[in-house]
Amino acid sequence: PDLTGHEKFGLGNVKYNISRMHVTAVELPSASISLLPASGIKLVIGNASLTIDMNWNIRTWMFKGTGRGKVHISKVFVTAIFSTPLDNTGPTSISLTSCRTTSGDIDIKLNGKS
């Protein structure tokens, strides 16, 4: 989804819109899934990265700018625990019990005009 909003900085408001976001690359160099006692699943992803292309637009009382951008997020670590009850009363269900995510580096490049 697009991100639209405004922030107050110094002498005025900055209105922004980030649109047409597309994930262009995902790397999962280290990922594992393991079974846990009592019907659970643990997913661990280490040192992952993600690249997103997007359009951006900002407007202030003094200037406006628009262009394309690229965001690269690296050193992403995710640990998620899922519960999978086995009660034989219907279809199997999976629920997210816990999730922890950290990221190390974020590189943002904006191209355009103001």
N, C-alpha and C. Protein backbone atom coordinates (compact mmCIF):
# COMPACT_ATOMS: atom_id res chain seq x y z
N PRO A 1 0.82 -1.20 0.00
CA PRO A 1 0.00 0.00 0.00
C PRO A 1 0.86 1.26 0.00
N ASP A 2 0.30 2.35 -0.50
CA ASP A 2 0.99 3.64 -0.50
C ASP A 2 1.09 4.17 0.93
N LEU A 3 2.12 4.97 1.18
CA LEU A 3 2.29 5.65 2.46
C LEU A 3 2.10 7.13 2.22
N THR A 4 1.13 7.74 2.89
CA THR A 4 0.86 9.15 2.76
C THR A 4 0.71 9.74 4.15
N GLY A 5 1.25 10.95 4.33
CA GLY A 5 1.12 11.58 5.63
C GLY A 5 1.79 12.93 5.66
N HIS A 6 1.95 13.45 6.87
CA HIS A 6 2.65 14.71 7.05
C HIS A 6 3.38 14.70 8.38
N GLU A 7 4.45 15.43 8.43
CA GLU A 7 5.28 15.57 9.63
C GLU A 7 5.58 17.04 9.84
N LYS A 8 5.72 17.45 11.08
CA LYS A 8 6.06 18.84 11.39
C LYS A 8 7.56 18.93 11.64
N PHE A 9 8.23 19.77 10.85
CA PHE A 9 9.67 19.99 10.98
C PHE A 9 9.93 21.48 11.04
N GLY A 10 10.62 21.92 12.04
CA GLY A 10 11.07 23.31 12.12
C GLY A 10 9.99 24.33 11.83
N LEU A 11 10.05 24.95 10.66
CA LEU A 11 9.17 26.05 10.32
C LEU A 11 7.87 25.65 9.64
N GLY A 12 7.64 24.38 9.42
CA GLY A 12 6.40 24.01 8.73
C GLY A 12 6.17 22.53 8.62
N ASN A 13 5.12 22.20 7.90
CA ASN A 13 4.75 20.81 7.68
C ASN A 13 5.36 20.28 6.39
N VAL A 14 5.68 19.01 6.41
CA VAL A 14 6.14 18.31 5.21
C VAL A 14 5.11 17.24 4.90
N LYS A 15 4.50 17.34 3.72
CA LYS A 15 3.56 16.31 3.27
C LYS A 15 4.32 15.36 2.37
N TYR A 16 4.08 14.05 2.54
CA TYR A 16 4.81 13.07 1.74
C TYR A 16 3.86 12.00 1.22
N ASN A 17 4.29 11.38 0.14
CA ASN A 17 3.58 10.26 -0.45
C ASN A 17 4.63 9.32 -1.04
N ILE A 18 4.59 8.08 -0.61
CA ILE A 18 5.46 7.03 -1.16
C ILE A 18 4.54 6.02 -1.82
N SER A 19 4.72 5.82 -3.13
CA SER A 19 3.78 4.99 -3.88
C SER A 19 4.51 4.01 -4.79
N ARG A 20 3.73 3.11 -5.36
CA ARG A 20 4.24 2.11 -6.31
C ARG A 20 5.46 1.35 -5.78
N MET A 21 5.37 0.93 -4.52
CA MET A 21 6.46 0.17 -3.92
C MET A 21 6.45 -1.25 -4.47
N HIS A 22 7.62 -1.70 -4.90
CA HIS A 22 7.78 -3.05 -5.43
C HIS A 22 9.02 -3.68 -4.82
N VAL A 23 8.86 -4.87 -4.29
CA VAL A 23 10.01 -5.63 -3.80
C VAL A 23 10.72 -6.20 -5.02
N THR A 24 11.98 -5.81 -5.21
CA THR A 24 12.72 -6.24 -6.40
C THR A 24 13.77 -7.31 -6.10
N ALA A 25 14.10 -7.50 -4.83
CA ALA A 25 15.06 -8.55 -4.48
C ALA A 25 14.88 -8.97 -3.03
N VAL A 26 15.00 -10.27 -2.79
CA VAL A 26 14.96 -10.84 -1.44
C VAL A 26 16.06 -11.89 -1.39
N GLU A 27 16.89 -11.82 -0.37
CA GLU A 27 17.93 -12.84 -0.17
C GLU A 27 17.78 -13.43 1.21
N LEU A 28 17.74 -14.76 1.27
CA LEU A 28 17.63 -15.50 2.53
C LEU A 28 18.80 -16.48 2.61
N PRO A 29 20.00 -15.99 2.91
CA PRO A 29 21.16 -16.88 2.91
C PRO A 29 21.16 -17.92 4.02
N SER A 30 20.42 -17.65 5.10
CA SER A 30 20.39 -18.59 6.21
C SER A 30 18.95 -18.68 6.72
N ALA A 31 18.31 -19.81 6.51
CA ALA A 31 16.94 -20.00 7.00
C ALA A 31 16.79 -21.44 7.46
N SER A 32 16.07 -21.61 8.57
CA SER A 32 15.84 -22.96 9.07
C SER A 32 14.45 -23.05 9.70
N ILE A 33 13.89 -24.24 9.62
CA ILE A 33 12.61 -24.54 10.25
C ILE A 33 12.81 -25.76 11.13
N SER A 34 12.32 -25.67 12.36
CA SER A 34 12.44 -26.83 13.25
C SER A 34 11.12 -27.05 13.98
N LEU A 35 10.87 -28.31 14.34
CA LEU A 35 9.68 -28.66 15.09
C LEU A 35 9.96 -28.49 16.57
N LEU A 36 8.97 -27.98 17.29
CA LEU A 36 9.08 -27.78 18.74
C LEU A 36 8.15 -28.74 19.45
N PRO A 37 8.51 -29.14 20.66
CA PRO A 37 7.59 -30.00 21.44
C PRO A 37 6.24 -29.29 21.62
N ALA A 38 5.18 -30.02 21.76
CA ALA A 38 3.83 -29.51 21.97
C ALA A 38 3.29 -28.81 20.73
N SER A 39 3.54 -29.37 19.55
CA SER A 39 2.93 -28.92 18.29
C SER A 39 3.29 -27.50 17.89
N GLY A 40 4.56 -27.19 17.82
CA GLY A 40 4.98 -25.87 17.38
C GLY A 40 6.03 -25.94 16.29
N ILE A 41 6.20 -24.83 15.60
CA ILE A 41 7.20 -24.71 14.54
C ILE A 41 7.99 -23.43 14.80
N LYS A 42 9.31 -23.53 14.67
CA LYS A 42 10.17 -22.37 14.84
C LYS A 42 10.85 -22.07 13.51
N LEU A 43 10.71 -20.83 13.06
CA LEU A 43 11.33 -20.36 11.83
C LEU A 43 12.41 -19.35 12.20
N VAL A 44 13.63 -19.57 11.71
CA VAL A 44 14.74 -18.64 11.96
C VAL A 44 15.34 -18.24 10.62
N ILE A 45 15.39 -16.94 10.38
CA ILE A 45 16.01 -16.39 9.17
C ILE A 45 17.13 -15.48 9.61
N GLY A 46 18.33 -15.70 9.07
CA GLY A 46 19.48 -14.91 9.47
C GLY A 46 20.14 -14.21 8.31
N ASN A 47 20.57 -12.99 8.55
CA ASN A 47 21.35 -12.18 7.59
C ASN A 47 20.64 -12.03 6.25
N ALA A 48 19.33 -11.81 6.30
CA ALA A 48 18.55 -11.63 5.08
C ALA A 48 18.65 -10.19 4.59
N SER A 49 18.23 -9.97 3.33
CA SER A 49 18.20 -8.60 2.80
C SER A 49 17.00 -8.45 1.88
N LEU A 50 16.61 -7.20 1.66
CA LEU A 50 15.42 -6.87 0.91
C LEU A 50 15.65 -5.55 0.18
N THR A 51 15.26 -5.48 -1.09
CA THR A 51 15.37 -4.24 -1.86
C THR A 51 13.99 -3.86 -2.37
N ILE A 52 13.63 -2.58 -2.19
CA ILE A 52 12.32 -2.06 -2.59
C ILE A 52 12.53 -0.84 -3.48
N ASP A 53 11.88 -0.82 -4.66
CA ASP A 53 11.85 0.37 -5.52
C ASP A 53 10.54 1.10 -5.26
N MET A 54 10.53 2.43 -5.43
CA MET A 54 9.33 3.21 -5.12
C MET A 54 9.35 4.56 -5.81
N ASN A 55 8.19 5.21 -5.85
CA ASN A 55 8.07 6.61 -6.22
C ASN A 55 7.93 7.41 -4.93
N TRP A 56 8.45 8.64 -4.92
CA TRP A 56 8.29 9.50 -3.75
C TRP A 56 7.88 10.89 -4.19
N ASN A 57 7.21 11.59 -3.27
CA ASN A 57 6.75 12.94 -3.53
C ASN A 57 6.67 13.65 -2.19
N ILE A 58 7.30 14.82 -2.07
CA ILE A 58 7.20 15.62 -0.86
C ILE A 58 6.80 17.05 -1.24
N ARG A 59 6.15 17.73 -0.29
CA ARG A 59 5.71 19.10 -0.52
C ARG A 59 5.79 19.86 0.80
N THR A 60 6.41 21.04 0.76
CA THR A 60 6.45 21.95 1.89
C THR A 60 5.96 23.31 1.42
N TRP A 61 5.91 24.27 2.32
CA TRP A 61 5.48 25.61 1.92
C TRP A 61 6.52 26.27 1.01
N MET A 62 7.76 25.75 1.04
CA MET A 62 8.84 26.38 0.29
C MET A 62 9.19 25.66 -1.01
N PHE A 63 9.07 24.34 -1.06
CA PHE A 63 9.42 23.59 -2.28
C PHE A 63 8.65 22.28 -2.34
N LYS A 64 8.72 21.68 -3.52
CA LYS A 64 8.15 20.35 -3.69
C LYS A 64 9.15 19.51 -4.46
N GLY A 65 9.10 18.22 -4.26
CA GLY A 65 10.01 17.32 -4.95
C GLY A 65 9.33 16.01 -5.28
N THR A 66 9.83 15.37 -6.33
CA THR A 66 9.27 14.09 -6.74
C THR A 66 10.36 13.27 -7.43
N GLY A 67 10.22 11.96 -7.41
CA GLY A 67 11.21 11.12 -8.08
C GLY A 67 11.03 9.65 -7.77
N ARG A 68 12.09 8.90 -8.04
CA ARG A 68 12.15 7.46 -7.77
C ARG A 68 13.12 7.23 -6.63
N GLY A 69 12.96 6.12 -5.95
CA GLY A 69 13.85 5.79 -4.86
C GLY A 69 14.06 4.30 -4.74
N LYS A 70 15.10 3.95 -4.00
CA LYS A 70 15.43 2.54 -3.75
C LYS A 70 15.81 2.43 -2.27
N VAL A 71 15.25 1.44 -1.60
CA VAL A 71 15.59 1.17 -0.20
C VAL A 71 16.17 -0.24 -0.15
N HIS A 72 17.35 -0.36 0.47
CA HIS A 72 17.97 -1.67 0.66
C HIS A 72 18.12 -1.89 2.16
N ILE A 73 17.48 -2.94 2.66
CA ILE A 73 17.54 -3.29 4.08
C ILE A 73 18.35 -4.57 4.19
N SER A 74 19.40 -4.55 5.02
CA SER A 74 20.25 -5.74 5.15
C SER A 74 20.48 -6.08 6.61
N LYS A 75 21.10 -7.22 6.82
CA LYS A 75 21.34 -7.76 8.16
C LYS A 75 20.03 -7.92 8.92
N VAL A 76 19.04 -8.51 8.23
CA VAL A 76 17.73 -8.74 8.83
C VAL A 76 17.72 -10.13 9.48
N PHE A 77 17.26 -10.17 10.72
CA PHE A 77 17.16 -11.42 11.47
C PHE A 77 15.72 -11.57 11.97
N VAL A 78 15.13 -12.74 11.73
CA VAL A 78 13.74 -13.00 12.12
C VAL A 78 13.69 -14.33 12.87
N THR A 79 12.99 -14.33 14.00
CA THR A 79 12.67 -15.57 14.70
C THR A 79 11.17 -15.56 14.93
N ALA A 80 10.48 -16.58 14.43
CA ALA A 80 9.02 -16.66 14.58
C ALA A 80 8.64 -18.04 15.12
N ILE A 81 7.70 -18.06 16.03
CA ILE A 81 7.18 -19.30 16.60
C ILE A 81 5.71 -19.42 16.20
N PHE A 82 5.35 -20.55 15.62
CA PHE A 82 3.98 -20.81 15.22
C PHE A 82 3.44 -21.98 16.04
N SER A 83 2.19 -21.88 16.46
CA SER A 83 1.56 -23.02 17.13
C SER A 83 0.66 -23.73 16.12
N THR A 84 0.68 -25.06 16.19
CA THR A 84 -0.11 -25.88 15.28
C THR A 84 -0.85 -26.93 16.09
N PRO A 85 -2.01 -26.55 16.65
CA PRO A 85 -2.74 -27.52 17.48
C PRO A 85 -3.19 -28.73 16.66
N LEU A 86 -3.07 -29.89 17.26
CA LEU A 86 -3.46 -31.14 16.61
C LEU A 86 -4.64 -31.74 17.37
N ASP A 87 -5.83 -31.20 17.14
CA ASP A 87 -6.99 -31.67 17.90
C ASP A 87 -7.94 -32.54 17.08
N ASN A 88 -7.67 -32.75 15.81
CA ASN A 88 -8.47 -33.59 14.93
C ASN A 88 -9.95 -33.19 14.87
N THR A 89 -10.29 -31.96 15.16
CA THR A 89 -11.69 -31.53 15.11
C THR A 89 -12.01 -30.74 13.85
N GLY A 90 -11.07 -30.55 13.00
CA GLY A 90 -11.31 -29.78 11.78
C GLY A 90 -10.02 -29.59 11.03
N PRO A 91 -10.00 -28.61 10.12
CA PRO A 91 -8.78 -28.37 9.35
C PRO A 91 -7.64 -27.89 10.25
N THR A 92 -6.44 -28.23 9.83
CA THR A 92 -5.26 -27.79 10.59
C THR A 92 -5.14 -26.28 10.53
N SER A 93 -4.83 -25.67 11.65
CA SER A 93 -4.66 -24.22 11.69
C SER A 93 -3.26 -23.90 12.20
N ILE A 94 -2.77 -22.73 11.81
CA ILE A 94 -1.46 -22.26 12.26
C ILE A 94 -1.65 -20.85 12.81
N SER A 95 -1.13 -20.61 14.00
CA SER A 95 -1.20 -19.28 14.62
C SER A 95 0.20 -18.79 14.95
N LEU A 96 0.45 -17.52 14.70
CA LEU A 96 1.73 -16.92 15.06
C LEU A 96 1.71 -16.63 16.55
N THR A 97 2.63 -17.27 17.29
CA THR A 97 2.69 -17.11 18.74
C THR A 97 3.62 -15.97 19.13
N SER A 98 4.77 -15.89 18.46
CA SER A 98 5.70 -14.79 18.74
C SER A 98 6.56 -14.53 17.51
N CYS A 99 7.04 -13.30 17.42
CA CYS A 99 7.88 -12.92 16.29
C CYS A 99 8.83 -11.81 16.74
N ARG A 100 10.09 -11.96 16.42
CA ARG A 100 11.10 -10.95 16.74
C ARG A 100 11.91 -10.69 15.48
N THR A 101 12.02 -9.41 15.11
CA THR A 101 12.75 -9.02 13.91
C THR A 101 13.69 -7.88 14.23
N THR A 102 14.91 -7.97 13.72
CA THR A 102 15.86 -6.85 13.83
C THR A 102 16.49 -6.63 12.46
N SER A 103 16.87 -5.39 12.20
CA SER A 103 17.58 -5.09 10.96
C SER A 103 18.81 -4.27 11.31
N GLY A 104 19.87 -4.48 10.55
CA GLY A 104 21.13 -3.82 10.85
C GLY A 104 21.36 -2.55 10.06
N ASP A 105 21.19 -2.60 8.75
CA ASP A 105 21.50 -1.46 7.90
C ASP A 105 20.33 -1.15 6.98
N ILE A 106 20.08 0.16 6.78
CA ILE A 106 19.08 0.61 5.82
C ILE A 106 19.74 1.68 4.96
N ASP A 107 19.76 1.44 3.65
CA ASP A 107 20.35 2.38 2.70
C ASP A 107 19.23 2.92 1.81
N ILE A 108 19.04 4.24 1.81
CA ILE A 108 17.98 4.88 1.04
C ILE A 108 18.62 5.79 -0.01
N LYS A 109 18.23 5.58 -1.26
CA LYS A 109 18.72 6.43 -2.36
C LYS A 109 17.51 7.04 -3.05
N LEU A 110 17.49 8.39 -3.15
CA LEU A 110 16.41 9.09 -3.79
C LEU A 110 16.95 9.83 -5.01
N ASN A 111 16.26 9.71 -6.13
CA ASN A 111 16.58 10.44 -7.34
C ASN A 111 15.35 11.24 -7.74
N GLY A 112 15.57 12.44 -8.26
CA GLY A 112 14.41 13.22 -8.70
C GLY A 112 14.70 14.69 -8.79
N LYS A 113 13.62 15.48 -8.75
CA LYS A 113 13.70 16.93 -8.90
C LYS A 113 13.04 17.62 -7.72
N SER A 114 13.50 18.81 -7.40
CA SER A 114 12.81 19.63 -6.40
C SER A 114 12.79 21.07 -6.89
